[in-house]
Amino acid sequence: MFAESINTDKGFFGKPCGVGILSYLTGISRELCPFTGNKNLLARAGEYVSPKAHGTFKIETNFYPPLARGIPLSDIHNQMLTII
């Protein structure tokens, strides 16, 4: 994934999430890292990650190469985005 982040035009983008390993293991949460905080915030990951990005981000990828999805179209059309 890191090597692809250098060469892709699409890029890898993630949204803030909260790591809830205990909630996940006990069955309280169905996701290991559910989205939290500002859902309009996207951080670029990989080679071109911003030094302003702090915390844990969930990055969704394609199942098969190329893995990069770019910015989700639903986010572009429905929201004002802040990309760091």
PDB file of N, CA and C in Angstrom:
ATOM      1  N   MET A   1       0.824  -1.173   0.000  1.00  0.00           N
ATOM      2  CA  MET A   1       0.000   0.000   0.000  1.00  0.00           C
ATOM      3  C   MET A   1       0.876   1.247   0.000  1.00  0.00           C
ATOM      4  N   PHE A   2       1.945   1.255   0.764  1.00  0.00           N
ATOM      5  CA  PHE A   2       2.806   2.444   0.803  1.00  0.00           C
ATOM      6  C   PHE A   2       3.422   2.710  -0.559  1.00  0.00           C
ATOM      7  N   ALA A   3       3.909   1.682  -1.227  1.00  0.00           N
ATOM      8  CA  ALA A   3       4.496   1.865  -2.557  1.00  0.00           C
ATOM      9  C   ALA A   3       3.455   2.424  -3.523  1.00  0.00           C
ATOM     10  N   GLU A   4       2.240   1.943  -3.445  1.00  0.00           N
ATOM     11  CA  GLU A   4       1.194   2.461  -4.319  1.00  0.00           C
ATOM     12  C   GLU A   4       0.880   3.921  -3.996  1.00  0.00           C
ATOM     13  N   SER A   5       1.006   4.312  -2.729  1.00  0.00           N
ATOM     14  CA  SER A   5       0.702   5.698  -2.356  1.00  0.00           C
ATOM     15  C   SER A   5       1.648   6.689  -3.024  1.00  0.00           C
ATOM     16  N   ILE A   6       2.831   6.244  -3.403  1.00  0.00           N
ATOM     17  CA  ILE A   6       3.801   7.113  -4.068  1.00  0.00           C
ATOM     18  C   ILE A   6       3.420   7.331  -5.523  1.00  0.00           C
ATOM     19  N   ASN A   7       2.892   6.301  -6.160  1.00  0.00           N
ATOM     20  CA  ASN A   7       2.653   6.337  -7.599  1.00  0.00           C
ATOM     21  C   ASN A   7       1.213   6.578  -8.036  1.00  0.00           C
ATOM     22  N   THR A   8       0.258   6.555  -7.133  1.00  0.00           N
ATOM     23  CA  THR A   8      -1.146   6.659  -7.531  1.00  0.00           C
ATOM     24  C   THR A   8      -1.579   8.110  -7.732  1.00  0.00           C
ATOM     25  N   ASP A   9      -2.452   8.311  -8.686  1.00  0.00           N
ATOM     26  CA  ASP A   9      -3.063   9.625  -8.876  1.00  0.00           C
ATOM     27  C   ASP A   9      -4.267   9.803  -7.955  1.00  0.00           C
ATOM     28  N   LYS A  10      -4.873   8.704  -7.532  1.00  0.00           N
ATOM     29  CA  LYS A  10      -6.069   8.764  -6.692  1.00  0.00           C
ATOM     30  C   LYS A  10      -5.747   9.096  -5.243  1.00  0.00           C
ATOM     31  N   GLY A  11      -4.774   8.424  -4.681  1.00  0.00           N
ATOM     32  CA  GLY A  11      -4.416   8.644  -3.284  1.00  0.00           C
ATOM     33  C   GLY A  11      -5.253   7.824  -2.322  1.00  0.00           C
ATOM     34  N   PHE A  12      -4.757   7.724  -1.113  1.00  0.00           N
ATOM     35  CA  PHE A  12      -5.439   7.052  -0.008  1.00  0.00           C
ATOM     36  C   PHE A  12      -5.883   8.130   0.972  1.00  0.00           C
ATOM     37  N   PHE A  13      -7.154   8.117   1.348  1.00  0.00           N
ATOM     38  CA  PHE A  13      -7.690   9.106   2.273  1.00  0.00           C
ATOM     39  C   PHE A  13      -8.409   8.400   3.397  1.00  0.00           C
ATOM     40  N   GLY A  14      -8.265   8.933   4.606  1.00  0.00           N
ATOM     41  CA  GLY A  14      -8.909   8.325   5.757  1.00  0.00           C
ATOM     42  C   GLY A  14      -9.691   9.334   6.568  1.00  0.00           C
ATOM     43  N   LYS A  15     -10.693   8.836   7.297  1.00  0.00           N
ATOM     44  CA  LYS A  15     -11.496   9.653   8.198  1.00  0.00           C
ATOM     45  C   LYS A  15     -11.126   9.302   9.633  1.00  0.00           C
ATOM     46  N   PRO A  16     -11.253  10.266  10.550  1.00  0.00           N
ATOM     47  CA  PRO A  16     -10.922   9.991  11.955  1.00  0.00           C
ATOM     48  C   PRO A  16     -11.766   8.852  12.511  1.00  0.00           C
ATOM     49  N   CYS A  17     -11.132   8.022  13.310  1.00  0.00           N
ATOM     50  CA  CYS A  17     -11.870   6.946  13.967  1.00  0.00           C
ATOM     51  C   CYS A  17     -11.316   6.739  15.368  1.00  0.00           C
ATOM     52  N   GLY A  18     -12.104   6.104  16.189  1.00  0.00           N
ATOM     53  CA  GLY A  18     -11.695   5.803  17.550  1.00  0.00           C
ATOM     54  C   GLY A  18     -11.422   4.319  17.680  1.00  0.00           C
ATOM     55  N   VAL A  19     -10.247   3.991  18.139  1.00  0.00           N
ATOM     56  CA  VAL A  19      -9.889   2.586  18.293  1.00  0.00           C
ATOM     57  C   VAL A  19     -10.579   2.063  19.545  1.00  0.00           C
ATOM     58  N   GLY A  20     -11.462   1.096  19.342  1.00  0.00           N
ATOM     59  CA  GLY A  20     -12.228   0.541  20.453  1.00  0.00           C
ATOM     60  C   GLY A  20     -12.041  -0.962  20.543  1.00  0.00           C
ATOM     61  N   ILE A  21     -10.828  -1.407  20.779  1.00  0.00           N
ATOM     62  CA  ILE A  21     -10.528  -2.838  20.770  1.00  0.00           C
ATOM     63  C   ILE A  21     -11.353  -3.582  21.820  1.00  0.00           C
ATOM     64  N   LEU A  22     -11.518  -3.001  22.991  1.00  0.00           N
ATOM     65  CA  LEU A  22     -12.281  -3.672  24.040  1.00  0.00           C
ATOM     66  C   LEU A  22     -13.757  -3.779  23.652  1.00  0.00           C
ATOM     67  N   SER A  23     -14.331  -2.692  23.120  1.00  0.00           N
ATOM     68  CA  SER A  23     -15.730  -2.725  22.673  1.00  0.00           C
ATOM     69  C   SER A  23     -15.918  -3.735  21.550  1.00  0.00           C
ATOM     70  N   TYR A  24     -14.942  -3.820  20.670  1.00  0.00           N
ATOM     71  CA  TYR A  24     -15.015  -4.758  19.555  1.00  0.00           C
ATOM     72  C   TYR A  24     -14.947  -6.198  20.046  1.00  0.00           C
ATOM     73  N   LEU A  25     -14.001  -6.492  20.918  1.00  0.00           N
ATOM     74  CA  LEU A  25     -13.811  -7.857  21.411  1.00  0.00           C
ATOM     75  C   LEU A  25     -14.971  -8.335  22.279  1.00  0.00           C
ATOM     76  N   THR A  26     -15.626  -7.414  22.989  1.00  0.00           N
ATOM     77  CA  THR A  26     -16.743  -7.803  23.849  1.00  0.00           C
ATOM     78  C   THR A  26     -18.074  -7.794  23.106  1.00  0.00           C
ATOM     79  N   GLY A  27     -18.060  -7.401  21.831  1.00  0.00           N
ATOM     80  CA  GLY A  27     -19.270  -7.416  21.027  1.00  0.00           C
ATOM     81  C   GLY A  27     -20.131  -6.173  21.140  1.00  0.00           C
ATOM     82  N   ILE A  28     -19.693  -5.179  21.899  1.00  0.00           N
ATOM     83  CA  ILE A  28     -20.457  -3.942  22.035  1.00  0.00           C
ATOM     84  C   ILE A  28     -20.468  -3.182  20.704  1.00  0.00           C
ATOM     85  N   SER A  29     -19.329  -3.188  20.030  1.00  0.00           N
ATOM     86  CA  SER A  29     -19.205  -2.512  18.736  1.00  0.00           C
ATOM     87  C   SER A  29     -18.944  -3.542  17.647  1.00  0.00           C
ATOM     88  N   ARG A  30     -19.534  -3.322  16.469  1.00  0.00           N
ATOM     89  CA  ARG A  30     -19.310  -4.238  15.353  1.00  0.00           C
ATOM     90  C   ARG A  30     -18.095  -3.829  14.532  1.00  0.00           C
ATOM     91  N   GLU A  31     -17.546  -2.656  14.808  1.00  0.00           N
ATOM     92  CA  GLU A  31     -16.378  -2.169  14.077  1.00  0.00           C
ATOM     93  C   GLU A  31     -15.206  -1.972  15.030  1.00  0.00           C
ATOM     94  N   LEU A  32     -14.021  -2.284  14.543  1.00  0.00           N
ATOM     95  CA  LEU A  32     -12.816  -2.093  15.352  1.00  0.00           C
ATOM     96  C   LEU A  32     -12.475  -0.620  15.472  1.00  0.00           C
ATOM     97  N   CYS A  33     -12.722   0.130  14.423  1.00  0.00           N
ATOM     98  CA  CYS A  33     -12.364   1.548  14.412  1.00  0.00           C
ATOM     99  C   CYS A  33     -13.521   2.353  13.815  1.00  0.00           C
ATOM    100  N   PRO A  34     -14.598   2.576  14.596  1.00  0.00           N
ATOM    101  CA  PRO A  34     -15.735   3.330  14.045  1.00  0.00           C
ATOM    102  C   PRO A  34     -15.374   4.798  13.837  1.00  0.00           C
ATOM    103  N   PHE A  35     -16.003   5.414  12.820  1.00  0.00           N
ATOM    104  CA  PHE A  35     -15.743   6.823  12.547  1.00  0.00           C
ATOM    105  C   PHE A  35     -16.194   7.675  13.721  1.00  0.00           C
ATOM    106  N   THR A  36     -15.370   8.656  14.075  1.00  0.00           N
ATOM    107  CA  THR A  36     -15.680   9.563  15.176  1.00  0.00           C
ATOM    108  C   THR A  36     -15.263  10.969  14.796  1.00  0.00           C
ATOM    109  N   GLY A  37     -15.654  11.903  15.588  1.00  0.00           N
ATOM    110  CA  GLY A  37     -15.209  13.282  15.387  1.00  0.00           C
ATOM    111  C   GLY A  37     -15.785  13.910  14.136  1.00  0.00           C
ATOM    112  N   ASN A  38     -14.971  14.711  13.464  1.00  0.00           N
ATOM    113  CA  ASN A  38     -15.391  15.466  12.296  1.00  0.00           C
ATOM    114  C   ASN A  38     -15.453  14.557  11.074  1.00  0.00           C
ATOM    115  N   LYS A  39     -16.654  14.225  10.657  1.00  0.00           N
ATOM    116  CA  LYS A  39     -16.816  13.320   9.513  1.00  0.00           C
ATOM    117  C   LYS A  39     -16.520  14.010   8.183  1.00  0.00           C
ATOM    118  N   ASN A  40     -16.323  15.319   8.200  1.00  0.00           N
ATOM    119  CA  ASN A  40     -15.986  16.065   6.998  1.00  0.00           C
ATOM    120  C   ASN A  40     -14.478  16.216   6.836  1.00  0.00           C
ATOM    121  N   LEU A  41     -13.719  15.620   7.730  1.00  0.00           N
ATOM    122  CA  LEU A  41     -12.267  15.711   7.685  1.00  0.00           C
ATOM    123  C   LEU A  41     -11.683  14.477   7.014  1.00  0.00           C
ATOM    124  N   LEU A  42     -10.833  14.696   6.039  1.00  0.00           N
ATOM    125  CA  LEU A  42     -10.116  13.605   5.383  1.00  0.00           C
ATOM    126  C   LEU A  42      -8.627  13.883   5.493  1.00  0.00           C
ATOM    127  N   ALA A  43      -7.858  12.853   5.743  1.00  0.00           N
ATOM    128  CA  ALA A  43      -6.404  12.977   5.768  1.00  0.00           C
ATOM    129  C   ALA A  43      -5.814  12.081   4.699  1.00  0.00           C
ATOM    130  N   ARG A  44      -4.883  12.626   3.934  1.00  0.00           N
ATOM    131  CA  ARG A  44      -4.200  11.811   2.935  1.00  0.00           C
ATOM    132  C   ARG A  44      -3.190  10.932   3.656  1.00  0.00           C
ATOM    133  N   ALA A  45      -3.090   9.695   3.248  1.00  0.00           N
ATOM    134  CA  ALA A  45      -2.195   8.738   3.899  1.00  0.00           C
ATOM    135  C   ALA A  45      -1.067   8.345   2.958  1.00  0.00           C
ATOM    136  N   GLY A  46      -0.059   7.698   3.516  1.00  0.00           N
ATOM    137  CA  GLY A  46       1.042   7.193   2.711  1.00  0.00           C
ATOM    138  C   GLY A  46       2.176   8.197   2.584  1.00  0.00           C
ATOM    139  N   GLU A  47       2.819   8.195   1.442  1.00  0.00           N
ATOM    140  CA  GLU A  47       3.984   9.042   1.192  1.00  0.00           C
ATOM    141  C   GLU A  47       3.688  10.524   1.416  1.00  0.00           C
ATOM    142  N   TYR A  48       2.478  10.959   1.081  1.00  0.00           N
ATOM    143  CA  TYR A  48       2.164  12.384   1.110  1.00  0.00           C
ATOM    144  C   TYR A  48       1.289  12.788   2.293  1.00  0.00           C
ATOM    145  N   VAL A  49       1.407  12.051   3.396  1.00  0.00           N
ATOM    146  CA  VAL A  49       0.626  12.371   4.592  1.00  0.00           C
ATOM    147  C   VAL A  49       1.046  13.747   5.117  1.00  0.00           C
ATOM    148  N   SER A  50       0.053  14.497   5.588  1.00  0.00           N
ATOM    149  CA  SER A  50       0.311  15.829   6.122  1.00  0.00           C
ATOM    150  C   SER A  50       0.880  15.732   7.534  1.00  0.00           C
ATOM    151  N   PRO A  51       1.843  16.585   7.877  1.00  0.00           N
ATOM    152  CA  PRO A  51       2.338  16.604   9.259  1.00  0.00           C
ATOM    153  C   PRO A  51       1.271  17.117  10.235  1.00  0.00           C
ATOM    154  N   LYS A  52       0.189  17.709   9.709  1.00  0.00           N
ATOM    155  CA  LYS A  52      -0.911  18.181  10.559  1.00  0.00           C
ATOM    156  C   LYS A  52      -1.836  17.048  10.989  1.00  0.00           C
ATOM    157  N   ALA A  53      -1.742  15.903  10.347  1.00  0.00           N
ATOM    158  CA  ALA A  53      -2.621  14.775  10.658  1.00  0.00           C
ATOM    159  C   ALA A  53      -2.136  14.072  11.922  1.00  0.00           C
ATOM    160  N   HIS A  54      -2.993  14.048  12.927  1.00  0.00           N
ATOM    161  CA  HIS A  54      -2.679  13.371  14.194  1.00  0.00           C
ATOM    162  C   HIS A  54      -3.852  12.490  14.576  1.00  0.00           C
ATOM    163  N   GLY A  55      -3.566  11.374  15.186  1.00  0.00           N
ATOM    164  CA  GLY A  55      -4.620  10.482  15.638  1.00  0.00           C
ATOM    165  C   GLY A  55      -4.719   9.236  14.783  1.00  0.00           C
ATOM    166  N   THR A  56      -5.851   8.589  14.884  1.00  0.00           N
ATOM    167  CA  THR A  56      -6.105   7.350  14.162  1.00  0.00           C
ATOM    168  C   THR A  56      -7.128   7.614  13.067  1.00  0.00           C
ATOM    169  N   PHE A  57      -6.823   7.137  11.879  1.00  0.00           N
ATOM    170  CA  PHE A  57      -7.700   7.334  10.731  1.00  0.00           C
ATOM    171  C   PHE A  57      -8.002   5.987  10.090  1.00  0.00           C
ATOM    172  N   LYS A  58      -9.242   5.839   9.639  1.00  0.00           N
ATOM    173  CA  LYS A  58      -9.662   4.618   8.971  1.00  0.00           C
ATOM    174  C   LYS A  58      -9.588   4.854   7.467  1.00  0.00           C
ATOM    175  N   ILE A  59      -8.830   4.005   6.780  1.00  0.00           N
ATOM    176  CA  ILE A  59      -8.644   4.106   5.337  1.00  0.00           C
ATOM    177  C   ILE A  59      -9.281   2.889   4.698  1.00  0.00           C
ATOM    178  N   GLU A  60     -10.270   3.128   3.848  1.00  0.00           N
ATOM    179  CA  GLU A  60     -10.909   2.029   3.141  1.00  0.00           C
ATOM    180  C   GLU A  60     -10.232   1.880   1.782  1.00  0.00           C
ATOM    181  N   THR A  61      -9.926   0.644   1.424  1.00  0.00           N
ATOM    182  CA  THR A  61      -9.225   0.365   0.168  1.00  0.00           C
ATOM    183  C   THR A  61     -10.028  -0.602  -0.687  1.00  0.00           C
ATOM    184  N   ASN A  62      -9.636  -0.710  -1.935  1.00  0.00           N
ATOM    185  CA  ASN A  62     -10.198  -1.744  -2.790  1.00  0.00           C
ATOM    186  C   ASN A  62      -9.670  -3.093  -2.326  1.00  0.00           C
ATOM    187  N   PHE A  63     -10.404  -4.144  -2.602  1.00  0.00           N
ATOM    188  CA  PHE A  63      -9.995  -5.486  -2.194  1.00  0.00           C
ATOM    189  C   PHE A  63      -8.804  -5.988  -3.020  1.00  0.00           C
ATOM    190  N   TYR A  64      -8.802  -5.636  -4.307  1.00  0.00           N
ATOM    191  CA  TYR A  64      -7.721  -6.038  -5.215  1.00  0.00           C
ATOM    192  C   TYR A  64      -7.009  -4.801  -5.739  1.00  0.00           C
ATOM    193  N   PRO A  65      -5.740  -4.926  -6.123  1.00  0.00           N
ATOM    194  CA  PRO A  65      -5.014  -3.786  -6.702  1.00  0.00           C
ATOM    195  C   PRO A  65      -5.687  -3.287  -7.967  1.00  0.00           C
ATOM    196  N   PRO A  66      -5.629  -2.009  -8.215  1.00  0.00           N
ATOM    197  CA  PRO A  66      -5.046  -0.973  -7.366  1.00  0.00           C
ATOM    198  C   PRO A  66      -5.906  -0.749  -6.116  1.00  0.00           C
ATOM    199  N   LEU A  67      -5.247  -0.551  -4.995  1.00  0.00           N
ATOM    200  CA  LEU A  67      -5.942  -0.433  -3.715  1.00  0.00           C
ATOM    201  C   LEU A  67      -6.524   0.953  -3.475  1.00  0.00           C
ATOM    202  N   ALA A  68      -5.884   1.987  -4.029  1.00  0.00           N
ATOM    203  CA  ALA A  68      -6.323   3.367  -3.780  1.00  0.00           C
ATOM    204  C   ALA A  68      -7.699   3.633  -4.367  1.00  0.00           C
ATOM    205  N   ARG A  69      -8.552   4.275  -3.571  1.00  0.00           N
ATOM    206  CA  ARG A  69      -9.901   4.644  -4.011  1.00  0.00           C
ATOM    207  C   ARG A  69     -10.030   6.133  -4.294  1.00  0.00           C
ATOM    208  N   GLY A  70      -9.110   6.923  -3.796  1.00  0.00           N
ATOM    209  CA  GLY A  70      -9.247   8.366  -3.920  1.00  0.00           C
ATOM    210  C   GLY A  70     -10.269   8.891  -2.930  1.00  0.00           C
ATOM    211  N   ILE A  71     -10.752  10.109  -3.173  1.00  0.00           N
ATOM    212  CA  ILE A  71     -11.766  10.708  -2.305  1.00  0.00           C
ATOM    213  C   ILE A  71     -13.126  10.131  -2.692  1.00  0.00           C
ATOM    214  N   PRO A  72     -13.872   9.609  -1.712  1.00  0.00           N
ATOM    215  CA  PRO A  72     -15.187   9.031  -2.029  1.00  0.00           C
ATOM    216  C   PRO A  72     -16.107  10.063  -2.670  1.00  0.00           C
ATOM    217  N   LEU A  73     -16.754   9.692  -3.778  1.00  0.00           N
ATOM    218  CA  LEU A  73     -17.638  10.616  -4.489  1.00  0.00           C
ATOM    219  C   LEU A  73     -18.774  11.111  -3.611  1.00  0.00           C
ATOM    220  N   SER A  74     -19.273  10.263  -2.727  1.00  0.00           N
ATOM    221  CA  SER A  74     -20.366  10.694  -1.843  1.00  0.00           C
ATOM    222  C   SER A  74     -19.919  11.844  -0.955  1.00  0.00           C
ATOM    223  N   ASP A  75     -18.657  11.850  -0.556  1.00  0.00           N
ATOM    224  CA  ASP A  75     -18.137  12.936   0.263  1.00  0.00           C
ATOM    225  C   ASP A  75     -18.006  14.216  -0.547  1.00  0.00           C
ATOM    226  N   ILE A  76     -17.636  14.087  -1.798  1.00  0.00           N
ATOM    227  CA  ILE A  76     -17.470  15.263  -2.651  1.00  0.00           C
ATOM    228  C   ILE A  76     -18.824  15.919  -2.917  1.00  0.00           C
ATOM    229  N   HIS A  77     -19.843  15.140  -3.215  1.00  0.00           N
ATOM    230  CA  HIS A  77     -21.136  15.679  -3.599  1.00  0.00           C
ATOM    231  C   HIS A  77     -21.992  16.141  -2.432  1.00  0.00           C
ATOM    232  N   ASN A  78     -21.844  15.531  -1.277  1.00  0.00           N
ATOM    233  CA  ASN A  78     -22.795  15.785  -0.189  1.00  0.00           C
ATOM    234  C   ASN A  78     -22.276  16.677   0.929  1.00  0.00           C
ATOM    235  N   GLN A  79     -20.970  16.984   0.950  1.00  0.00           N
ATOM    236  CA  GLN A  79     -20.439  17.667   2.122  1.00  0.00           C
ATOM    237  C   GLN A  79     -19.351  18.656   1.750  1.00  0.00           C
ATOM    238  N   MET A  80     -19.104  19.547   2.678  1.00  0.00           N
ATOM    239  CA  MET A  80     -17.924  20.392   2.600  1.00  0.00           C
ATOM    240  C   MET A  80     -16.804  19.590   3.263  1.00  0.00           C
ATOM    241  N   LEU A  81     -15.687  19.438   2.588  1.00  0.00           N
ATOM    242  CA  LEU A  81     -14.598  18.625   3.112  1.00  0.00           C
ATOM    243  C   LEU A  81     -13.415  19.492   3.508  1.00  0.00           C
ATOM    244  N   THR A  82     -12.748  19.059   4.549  1.00  0.00           N
ATOM    245  CA  THR A  82     -11.463  19.629   4.915  1.00  0.00           C
ATOM    246  C   THR A  82     -10.441  18.529   4.718  1.00  0.00           C
ATOM    247  N   ILE A  83      -9.495  18.738   3.839  1.00  0.00           N
ATOM    248  CA  ILE A  83      -8.458  17.736   3.578  1.00  0.00           C
ATOM    249  C   ILE A  83      -7.159  18.227   4.166  1.00  0.00           C
ATOM    250  N   ILE A  84      -6.592  17.421   5.034  1.00  0.00           N
ATOM    251  CA  ILE A  84      -5.293  17.799   5.621  1.00  0.00           C
ATOM    252  C   ILE A  84      -4.223  16.905   5.087  1.00  0.00           C
TER     253      ILE A  84
END
